[in-house]
Amino acid sequence: MDVAFVLYPDMTALDLIGPYEVLGHQPEVTAHFVAESREPVRTDAGLMIVPTTTFAEVDRADVIVVPGARGWAKVLADGVVGAWLREVHPTATWTTSVCTGSTLLAQAGILDGRPATTHWALRDELAARGAVVSTERVVVDGSVVTAAGVSAGIDMALTLTGLIWDDQRAEFTQLFLEYDPRPPYGSGSPETAPAELVAFARGVLTGS
């Protein structure tokens, strides 16, 4: 099973690494790190990831994983990722996104009229691009699976593992990774965080 993990400059590393840690441990999976070129890609926090192949070399994949980025608007304007998704999505078994990666799916026309989720600060932006926005952490609609912000990518990949194989495989993977989150603070969503913190974070994330 070929899984294409999409790379582009200033992407958020955990959006990609979380799903990779879940899916990459499955014995049937061959992981491909796909980018515009084979030059190392710098993530938004400075981590360098080396692509294994390029968009020009990959015209199909069983599973596509698209991470998000704080600079999502710049990636949309560039158009390279969206154009590649438009080409490969029709033959993929599953197309997935994490966080603002959903805006790239929308740019490719994949989310037109479909329920989808994204980072809480970008819900209006996603709706403006044709998606029916959900506040759920993971949304499955046919062959398209979207996840909310950053850490939700792990939940998305575990959900996908259950769909591709079975619940037992997903449960084993969760146990293997000891994925048993117990955050030290209760501010992980706009519904639970203090209002002033949500306002500050929204300004940082959207530039408003």
Protein backbone atom coordinates (compact mmCIF):
# COMPACT_ATOMS: atom_id res chain seq x y z
CA MET A 1 0.00 0.00 0.00
CA ASP A 2 1.56 3.27 -1.16
CA VAL A 3 1.01 6.21 1.20
CA ALA A 4 2.03 9.64 -0.07
CA PHE A 5 2.92 12.10 2.68
CA VAL A 6 2.90 15.57 1.14
CA LEU A 7 5.74 17.99 1.94
CA TYR A 8 5.96 21.72 1.27
CA PRO A 9 7.90 24.63 2.83
CA ASP A 10 6.76 25.86 6.26
CA MET A 11 4.33 23.00 6.80
CA THR A 12 3.59 21.98 10.40
CA ALA A 13 5.73 18.95 11.24
CA LEU A 14 3.35 17.18 13.64
CA ASP A 15 0.55 17.31 11.04
CA LEU A 16 2.70 14.90 9.03
CA ILE A 17 4.69 13.03 11.68
CA GLY A 18 1.63 12.11 13.77
CA PRO A 19 -0.11 10.24 10.92
CA TYR A 20 3.23 8.81 9.77
CA GLU A 21 3.89 7.27 13.18
CA VAL A 22 0.49 5.55 13.01
CA LEU A 23 0.48 4.47 9.36
CA GLY A 24 4.21 3.98 8.92
CA HIS A 25 4.24 1.10 11.41
CA GLN A 26 1.74 -0.91 9.37
CA PRO A 27 3.64 -3.72 7.58
CA GLU A 28 1.66 -3.28 4.35
CA VAL A 29 2.59 0.41 4.02
CA THR A 30 5.30 1.86 1.81
CA ALA A 31 5.73 5.52 2.72
CA HIS A 32 6.62 8.15 0.13
CA PHE A 33 7.54 11.71 1.10
CA VAL A 34 6.45 13.77 -1.89
CA ALA A 35 7.48 17.35 -2.61
CA GLU A 36 8.05 19.70 -5.52
CA SER A 37 11.74 18.74 -5.57
CA ARG A 38 14.05 16.39 -3.69
CA GLU A 39 15.64 19.25 -1.77
CA PRO A 40 15.13 19.12 2.03
CA VAL A 41 11.92 20.80 3.14
CA ARG A 42 12.02 23.14 6.13
CA THR A 43 8.97 22.99 8.39
CA ASP A 44 7.55 26.02 10.20
CA ALA A 45 9.58 25.29 13.36
CA GLY A 46 12.80 24.53 11.48
CA LEU A 47 12.77 20.73 11.25
CA MET A 48 14.23 19.56 7.93
CA ILE A 49 12.57 16.63 6.14
CA VAL A 50 14.09 15.02 3.05
CA PRO A 51 11.62 14.06 0.28
CA THR A 52 11.94 10.63 -1.31
CA THR A 53 10.18 11.57 -4.54
CA THR A 54 8.56 14.50 -6.36
CA PHE A 55 5.08 15.50 -7.50
CA ALA A 56 6.18 15.00 -11.10
CA GLU A 57 7.18 11.39 -10.33
CA VAL A 58 4.03 10.35 -8.46
CA ASP A 59 0.74 10.16 -10.35
CA ARG A 60 -1.08 7.81 -7.97
CA ALA A 61 -1.14 6.66 -4.35
CA ASP A 62 -3.44 4.46 -2.30
CA VAL A 63 -3.50 7.00 0.53
CA ILE A 64 -2.66 10.71 0.45
CA VAL A 65 -1.87 12.65 3.65
CA VAL A 66 -1.83 16.45 3.38
CA PRO A 67 -0.51 18.42 6.37
CA GLY A 68 -1.39 21.99 7.19
CA ALA A 69 0.68 25.11 7.75
CA ARG A 70 0.45 28.38 9.58
CA GLY A 71 1.22 30.03 6.24
CA TRP A 72 -1.60 28.17 4.47
CA ALA A 73 -2.55 31.18 2.30
CA LYS A 74 0.91 31.28 0.74
CA VAL A 75 0.69 27.58 -0.14
CA LEU A 76 -2.70 28.14 -1.75
CA ALA A 77 -1.34 31.05 -3.76
CA ASP A 78 1.57 28.93 -4.95
CA GLY A 79 -0.91 26.36 -6.29
CA VAL A 80 1.58 23.51 -6.73
CA VAL A 81 0.13 21.18 -4.08
CA GLY A 82 -3.45 21.87 -5.15
CA ALA A 83 -2.64 21.07 -8.77
CA TRP A 84 -1.03 17.75 -7.81
CA LEU A 85 -3.97 16.80 -5.60
CA ARG A 86 -6.36 17.51 -8.47
CA GLU A 87 -4.41 14.96 -10.53
CA VAL A 88 -3.94 12.14 -8.02
CA HIS A 89 -7.10 12.28 -5.89
CA PRO A 90 -9.41 10.60 -8.45
CA THR A 91 -7.43 7.34 -8.32
CA ALA A 92 -6.61 7.35 -4.60
CA THR A 93 -8.45 5.03 -2.23
CA TRP A 94 -8.22 7.58 0.58
CA THR A 95 -7.41 11.29 0.55
CA THR A 96 -6.78 12.85 3.96
CA SER A 97 -5.78 16.15 5.50
CA VAL A 98 -4.74 17.51 8.86
CA CYS A 99 -5.41 21.01 10.16
CA THR A 100 -5.28 23.66 7.40
CA GLY A 101 -4.31 20.98 4.89
CA SER A 102 -8.06 20.86 4.25
CA THR A 103 -7.81 24.20 2.45
CA LEU A 104 -5.54 22.52 -0.09
CA LEU A 105 -8.09 19.76 -0.59
CA ALA A 106 -10.71 22.47 -1.10
CA GLN A 107 -8.52 24.25 -3.62
CA ALA A 108 -8.35 21.02 -5.61
CA GLY A 109 -12.15 20.79 -5.63
CA ILE A 110 -12.17 17.72 -3.41
CA LEU A 111 -14.34 19.24 -0.66
CA ASP A 112 -17.06 20.87 -2.76
CA GLY A 113 -20.29 20.28 -0.84
CA ARG A 114 -18.63 17.73 1.46
CA PRO A 115 -18.51 17.77 5.27
CA ALA A 116 -14.98 18.45 6.47
CA THR A 117 -13.09 19.82 9.43
CA THR A 118 -10.00 21.95 9.94
CA HIS A 119 -8.21 24.02 12.59
CA TRP A 120 -10.83 25.95 14.57
CA ALA A 121 -9.43 29.33 13.49
CA LEU A 122 -9.87 28.48 9.78
CA ARG A 123 -13.44 27.19 9.75
CA ASP A 124 -14.78 30.28 7.96
CA GLU A 125 -12.00 30.10 5.39
CA LEU A 126 -12.79 26.47 4.67
CA ALA A 127 -16.51 27.17 4.36
CA ALA A 128 -15.76 29.96 1.89
CA ARG A 129 -14.00 27.38 -0.27
CA GLY A 130 -17.03 25.14 -0.66
CA ALA A 131 -16.83 22.70 2.26
CA VAL A 132 -19.62 22.00 4.71
CA VAL A 133 -17.62 22.71 7.84
CA SER A 134 -17.87 20.45 10.88
CA THR A 135 -16.52 21.06 14.37
CA GLU A 136 -15.77 17.36 14.81
CA ARG A 137 -12.17 16.31 15.43
CA VAL A 138 -12.22 13.79 12.55
CA VAL A 139 -14.71 13.72 9.67
CA VAL A 140 -15.07 10.75 7.30
CA ASP A 141 -17.01 11.35 4.09
CA GLY A 142 -16.64 8.54 1.59
CA SER A 143 -12.99 8.33 0.62
CA VAL A 144 -12.09 11.69 2.16
CA VAL A 145 -10.98 11.99 5.79
CA THR A 146 -10.20 15.36 7.37
CA ALA A 147 -8.83 16.17 10.82
CA ALA A 148 -8.94 19.30 12.93
CA GLY A 149 -5.82 21.02 14.24
CA VAL A 150 -2.38 19.41 14.45
CA SER A 151 -2.71 16.69 17.12
CA ALA A 152 -5.99 15.51 15.56
CA GLY A 153 -3.86 14.00 12.81
CA ILE A 154 -3.09 11.08 15.12
CA ASP A 155 -6.81 10.50 15.67
CA MET A 156 -7.38 10.69 11.92
CA ALA A 157 -4.69 8.10 11.19
CA LEU A 158 -6.03 5.73 13.85
CA THR A 159 -9.53 6.15 12.41
CA LEU A 160 -8.13 5.39 8.96
CA THR A 161 -6.28 2.33 10.28
CA GLY A 162 -9.57 0.96 11.59
CA LEU A 163 -11.27 1.61 8.25
CA ILE A 164 -8.51 0.06 6.13
CA TRP A 165 -7.78 -2.94 8.35
CA ASP A 166 -9.97 -3.33 11.43
CA ASP A 167 -10.60 -1.99 14.92
CA GLN A 168 -8.22 -4.48 16.48
CA ARG A 169 -5.34 -3.24 14.31
CA ALA A 170 -6.14 0.35 15.24
CA GLU A 171 -6.37 -0.50 18.93
CA PHE A 172 -3.05 -2.36 18.81
CA THR A 173 -1.41 0.63 17.11
CA GLN A 174 -2.81 3.00 19.73
CA LEU A 175 -1.45 0.77 22.49
CA PHE A 176 1.89 0.34 20.71
CA LEU A 177 2.26 4.14 20.56
CA GLU A 178 0.88 4.51 24.11
CA TYR A 179 -1.45 7.15 22.73
CA ASP A 180 -3.33 7.97 25.93
CA PRO A 181 -3.43 11.79 25.97
CA ARG A 182 -3.91 13.52 29.30
CA PRO A 183 -3.08 17.19 28.65
CA PRO A 184 -1.96 19.21 31.66
CA TYR A 185 -4.25 22.10 30.71
CA GLY A 186 -7.84 22.32 29.55
CA SER A 187 -7.34 24.92 26.84
CA GLY A 188 -7.13 22.64 23.80
CA SER A 189 -10.21 24.00 22.02
CA PRO A 190 -11.95 27.38 21.65
CA GLU A 191 -14.83 25.94 23.65
CA THR A 192 -12.69 25.20 26.71
CA ALA A 193 -9.97 27.89 26.58
CA PRO A 194 -10.41 31.34 28.18
CA ALA A 195 -12.06 33.82 25.80
CA GLU A 196 -9.14 36.25 25.88
CA LEU A 197 -6.73 33.45 24.99
CA VAL A 198 -8.93 32.38 22.06
CA ALA A 199 -9.03 35.95 20.77
CA PHE A 200 -5.25 36.29 21.03
CA ALA A 201 -4.63 32.95 19.33
CA ARG A 202 -7.09 33.75 16.54
CA GLY A 203 -5.23 36.97 15.82
CA VAL A 204 -1.89 35.15 15.69
CA LEU A 205 -3.20 32.36 13.48
CA THR A 206 -5.18 34.47 11.03
CA GLY A 207 -3.14 37.65 11.06
CA SER A 208 -6.18 39.68 12.13
